[in-house]
Each structure stands twice: as structure tokens, then as C-alpha cells.
Amino acid sequence: MEQRLCLDCNTEIKGRSDKKFCDDQCRSNYNNKIRASDNDFVKKINQILIKNRKILKDENPEGKAKINKDKLLKKGFNFNYYTHIYKTQTGNLYTFCYEFGFLHLNEDQLLIVKKEEI
């Protein structure tokens, strides 16, 4: 009979012929390792989006605020990451990180807004 080894710890498996792990802990460890490597990219992007949202929220306590673009950059805002873009009927483009967004007023100034409805 062929010796079967646990996919996680490589110890010999005893029991059913279709068994892949020696116990539940090894099964869980193995699956967690697979998920962790798949999710690293997504986690990094989510961290950037969450940081961008926090910066917009902190700079917009009243629901609308004008701010200099450089101030956001100094706080670590990354303009390459956002959740969606909203185009108004007049053609203005608002870039959003979740419910907080901004509109370019000119090269240096932004208008930060909070979208109330979901």
C-alpha cells in the first residue's frame, strides 16, 4: 500500500484512502496559507483605499470642504486609488473613496464632498 502524506506537515496519514490531512489543524493551516497568498494583493489595495478615505474624512468634517491638493499629498493620499467615479449631469467628475469624494476645481484646489445616500 502506498504511503500518503499530509499536505501541510508531511506526516503519514492513516484512515480513509481519500484523506489529505492528518487532522483539522493541518487542513486549516494549509487552506489559510493558500488564501493568504491570494489575498495579499487585495489587502494592500484595501489598505491604500482605507487610508485615502480616512484622509478625506478628516479633511471634511462638515460634508463639504475646499482643500489644497498638496495638503492631501503630504498626508499620504494616493490619487491612483479610488473606488469609483461619478459624473454629474453638467459633466463634472467626482472621484470617490467609498462615500467621500473630491472634484478638481483647478490644478491645485479640490472640493471634498460626502455622498449621503447609498
C-alpha atoms as a PDB file:
ATOM      1  CA  MET A   1       0.000   0.000   0.000  1.00  0.00           C
ATOM      2  CA  GLU A   2       1.264   3.467  -0.938  1.00  0.00           C
ATOM      3  CA  GLN A   3       2.204   5.790   1.915  1.00  0.00           C
ATOM      4  CA  ARG A   4       0.143   9.000   1.944  1.00  0.00           C
ATOM      5  CA  LEU A   5       1.497  12.211   3.462  1.00  0.00           C
ATOM      6  CA  CYS A   6      -0.344  15.179   4.934  1.00  0.00           C
ATOM      7  CA  LEU A   7      -0.319  18.150   2.523  1.00  0.00           C
ATOM      8  CA  ASP A   8       0.587  20.515   5.372  1.00  0.00           C
ATOM      9  CA  CYS A   9       3.052  18.763   7.690  1.00  0.00           C
ATOM     10  CA  ASN A  10       4.116  15.760   5.572  1.00  0.00           C
ATOM     11  CA  THR A  11       3.403  13.201   8.300  1.00  0.00           C
ATOM     12  CA  GLU A  12       1.918   9.850   7.332  1.00  0.00           C
ATOM     13  CA  ILE A  13      -1.867   9.815   7.035  1.00  0.00           C
ATOM     14  CA  LYS A  14      -3.882   6.970   8.476  1.00  0.00           C
ATOM     15  CA  GLY A  15      -7.533   6.364   7.758  1.00  0.00           C
ATOM     16  CA  ARG A  16      -9.671   6.800   4.675  1.00  0.00           C
ATOM     17  CA  SER A  17      -7.998   6.491   1.297  1.00  0.00           C
ATOM     18  CA  ASP A  18      -9.155   9.954   0.177  1.00  0.00           C
ATOM     19  CA  LYS A  19      -7.892  11.745   3.286  1.00  0.00           C
ATOM     20  CA  LYS A  20      -5.424  14.588   2.526  1.00  0.00           C
ATOM     21  CA  PHE A  21      -4.584  15.907   6.003  1.00  0.00           C
ATOM     22  CA  CYS A  22      -3.641  14.235   9.267  1.00  0.00           C
ATOM     23  CA  ASP A  23      -6.022  16.440  11.322  1.00  0.00           C
ATOM     24  CA  ASP A  24      -8.276  19.504  11.219  1.00  0.00           C
ATOM     25  CA  GLN A  25      -5.479  21.858  12.268  1.00  0.00           C
ATOM     26  CA  CYS A  26      -3.307  20.846   9.290  1.00  0.00           C
ATOM     27  CA  ARG A  27      -6.289  21.219   6.939  1.00  0.00           C
ATOM     28  CA  SER A  28      -6.949  24.689   8.338  1.00  0.00           C
ATOM     29  CA  ASN A  29      -3.254  25.718   8.174  1.00  0.00           C
ATOM     30  CA  TYR A  30      -2.974  24.558   4.573  1.00  0.00           C
ATOM     31  CA  ASN A  31      -6.102  26.414   3.434  1.00  0.00           C
ATOM     32  CA  ASN A  32      -5.114  29.572   5.343  1.00  0.00           C
ATOM     33  CA  LYS A  33      -1.719  29.629   3.603  1.00  0.00           C
ATOM     34  CA  ILE A  34      -3.386  29.378   0.200  1.00  0.00           C
ATOM     35  CA  ARG A  35      -5.898  32.141   0.991  1.00  0.00           C
ATOM     36  CA  ALA A  36      -3.232  34.395   2.498  1.00  0.00           C
ATOM     37  CA  SER A  37      -1.089  34.381  -0.628  1.00  0.00           C
ATOM     38  CA  ASP A  38      -4.135  35.011  -2.840  1.00  0.00           C
ATOM     39  CA  ASN A  39      -5.320  37.918  -0.684  1.00  0.00           C
ATOM     40  CA  ASP A  40      -2.026  39.810  -0.232  1.00  0.00           C
ATOM     41  CA  PHE A  41      -2.604  41.939  -3.325  1.00  0.00           C
ATOM     42  CA  VAL A  42      -6.182  42.758  -2.327  1.00  0.00           C
ATOM     43  CA  LYS A  43      -5.138  43.596   1.254  1.00  0.00           C
ATOM     44  CA  LYS A  44      -2.533  46.095   0.051  1.00  0.00           C
ATOM     45  CA  ILE A  45      -5.041  47.875  -2.175  1.00  0.00           C
ATOM     46  CA  ASN A  46      -7.658  47.925   0.589  1.00  0.00           C
ATOM     47  CA  GLN A  47      -5.131  49.490   2.970  1.00  0.00           C
ATOM     48  CA  ILE A  48      -4.489  52.294   0.475  1.00  0.00           C
ATOM     49  CA  LEU A  49      -8.233  52.847  -0.079  1.00  0.00           C
ATOM     50  CA  ILE A  50      -8.921  52.929   3.660  1.00  0.00           C
ATOM     51  CA  LYS A  51      -6.087  55.424   4.204  1.00  0.00           C
ATOM     52  CA  ASN A  52      -7.411  57.624   1.360  1.00  0.00           C
ATOM     53  CA  ARG A  53     -10.927  57.506   2.853  1.00  0.00           C
ATOM     54  CA  LYS A  54      -9.633  58.453   6.306  1.00  0.00           C
ATOM     55  CA  ILE A  55      -7.706  61.423   4.914  1.00  0.00           C
ATOM     56  CA  LEU A  56     -10.774  62.683   3.018  1.00  0.00           C
ATOM     57  CA  LYS A  57     -12.976  62.175   6.086  1.00  0.00           C
ATOM     58  CA  ASP A  58     -10.545  64.007   8.387  1.00  0.00           C
ATOM     59  CA  GLU A  59     -10.333  66.963   5.993  1.00  0.00           C
ATOM     60  CA  ASN A  60     -14.115  67.150   5.533  1.00  0.00           C
ATOM     61  CA  PRO A  61     -15.874  67.315   8.914  1.00  0.00           C
ATOM     62  CA  GLU A  62     -18.828  69.382   7.639  1.00  0.00           C
ATOM     63  CA  GLY A  63     -19.773  67.481   4.457  1.00  0.00           C
ATOM     64  CA  LYS A  64     -18.081  69.876   2.014  1.00  0.00           C
ATOM     65  CA  ALA A  65     -14.641  71.431   2.135  1.00  0.00           C
ATOM     66  CA  LYS A  66     -12.125  73.085  -0.173  1.00  0.00           C
ATOM     67  CA  ILE A  67      -8.551  71.920   0.199  1.00  0.00           C
ATOM     68  CA  ASN A  68      -5.202  72.279  -1.492  1.00  0.00           C
ATOM     69  CA  LYS A  69      -4.118  69.133  -3.332  1.00  0.00           C
ATOM     70  CA  ASP A  70      -0.627  69.337  -1.771  1.00  0.00           C
ATOM     71  CA  LYS A  71      -2.119  69.014   1.717  1.00  0.00           C
ATOM     72  CA  LEU A  72      -3.634  65.637   0.782  1.00  0.00           C
ATOM     73  CA  LEU A  73      -0.363  64.502  -0.777  1.00  0.00           C
ATOM     74  CA  LYS A  74       1.576  65.445   2.376  1.00  0.00           C
ATOM     75  CA  LYS A  75      -0.794  63.297   4.430  1.00  0.00           C
ATOM     76  CA  GLY A  76      -0.098  60.331   2.142  1.00  0.00           C
ATOM     77  CA  PHE A  77      -3.140  60.442  -0.128  1.00  0.00           C
ATOM     78  CA  ASN A  78      -2.677  58.291  -3.242  1.00  0.00           C
ATOM     79  CA  PHE A  79      -4.646  59.695  -6.188  1.00  0.00           C
ATOM     80  CA  ASN A  80      -4.178  56.465  -8.172  1.00  0.00           C
ATOM     81  CA  TYR A  81      -6.530  54.507  -5.895  1.00  0.00           C
ATOM     82  CA  TYR A  82     -10.260  55.159  -5.602  1.00  0.00           C
ATOM     83  CA  THR A  83     -13.476  53.136  -5.566  1.00  0.00           C
ATOM     84  CA  HIS A  84     -15.486  54.861  -8.281  1.00  0.00           C
ATOM     85  CA  ILE A  85     -16.043  57.967 -10.370  1.00  0.00           C
ATOM     86  CA  TYR A  86     -19.331  59.860 -10.526  1.00  0.00           C
ATOM     87  CA  LYS A  87     -20.177  62.093 -13.491  1.00  0.00           C
ATOM     88  CA  THR A  88     -22.768  64.807 -12.868  1.00  0.00           C
ATOM     89  CA  GLN A  89     -25.301  65.993 -15.438  1.00  0.00           C
ATOM     90  CA  THR A  90     -23.114  69.040 -16.014  1.00  0.00           C
ATOM     91  CA  GLY A  91     -20.114  66.825 -16.779  1.00  0.00           C
ATOM     92  CA  ASN A  92     -18.163  67.279 -13.542  1.00  0.00           C
ATOM     93  CA  LEU A  93     -16.188  64.192 -12.482  1.00  0.00           C
ATOM     94  CA  TYR A  94     -16.087  63.332  -8.783  1.00  0.00           C
ATOM     95  CA  THR A  95     -13.565  60.703  -7.699  1.00  0.00           C
ATOM     96  CA  PHE A  96     -14.693  58.679  -4.665  1.00  0.00           C
ATOM     97  CA  CYS A  97     -13.114  56.554  -1.959  1.00  0.00           C
ATOM     98  CA  TYR A  98     -16.256  54.913  -0.664  1.00  0.00           C
ATOM     99  CA  GLU A  99     -18.627  57.718   0.411  1.00  0.00           C
ATOM    100  CA  PHE A 100     -16.013  60.523   0.357  1.00  0.00           C
ATOM    101  CA  GLY A 101     -15.098  62.107  -2.931  1.00  0.00           C
ATOM    102  CA  PHE A 102     -13.423  65.087  -4.487  1.00  0.00           C
ATOM    103  CA  LEU A 103     -13.778  67.333  -7.511  1.00  0.00           C
ATOM    104  CA  HIS A 104     -10.823  69.080  -9.120  1.00  0.00           C
ATOM    105  CA  LEU A 105     -11.676  72.789  -9.026  1.00  0.00           C
ATOM    106  CA  ASN A 106      -8.374  73.757 -10.645  1.00  0.00           C
ATOM    107  CA  GLU A 107      -4.841  72.383 -10.725  1.00  0.00           C
ATOM    108  CA  ASP A 108      -4.265  72.986  -7.006  1.00  0.00           C
ATOM    109  CA  GLN A 109      -7.706  73.105  -5.368  1.00  0.00           C
ATOM    110  CA  LEU A 110     -10.139  70.275  -4.644  1.00  0.00           C
ATOM    111  CA  LEU A 111     -13.664  70.225  -3.319  1.00  0.00           C
ATOM    112  CA  ILE A 112     -14.211  67.319  -0.915  1.00  0.00           C
ATOM    113  CA  VAL A 113     -17.765  66.018  -0.547  1.00  0.00           C
ATOM    114  CA  LYS A 114     -19.580  63.253   1.290  1.00  0.00           C
ATOM    115  CA  LYS A 115     -22.191  61.225  -0.534  1.00  0.00           C
ATOM    116  CA  GLU A 116     -25.087  60.684   1.845  1.00  0.00           C
ATOM    117  CA  GLU A 117     -27.222  58.148   0.022  1.00  0.00           C
ATOM    118  CA  ILE A 118     -26.099  54.640  -0.848  1.00  0.00           C
END
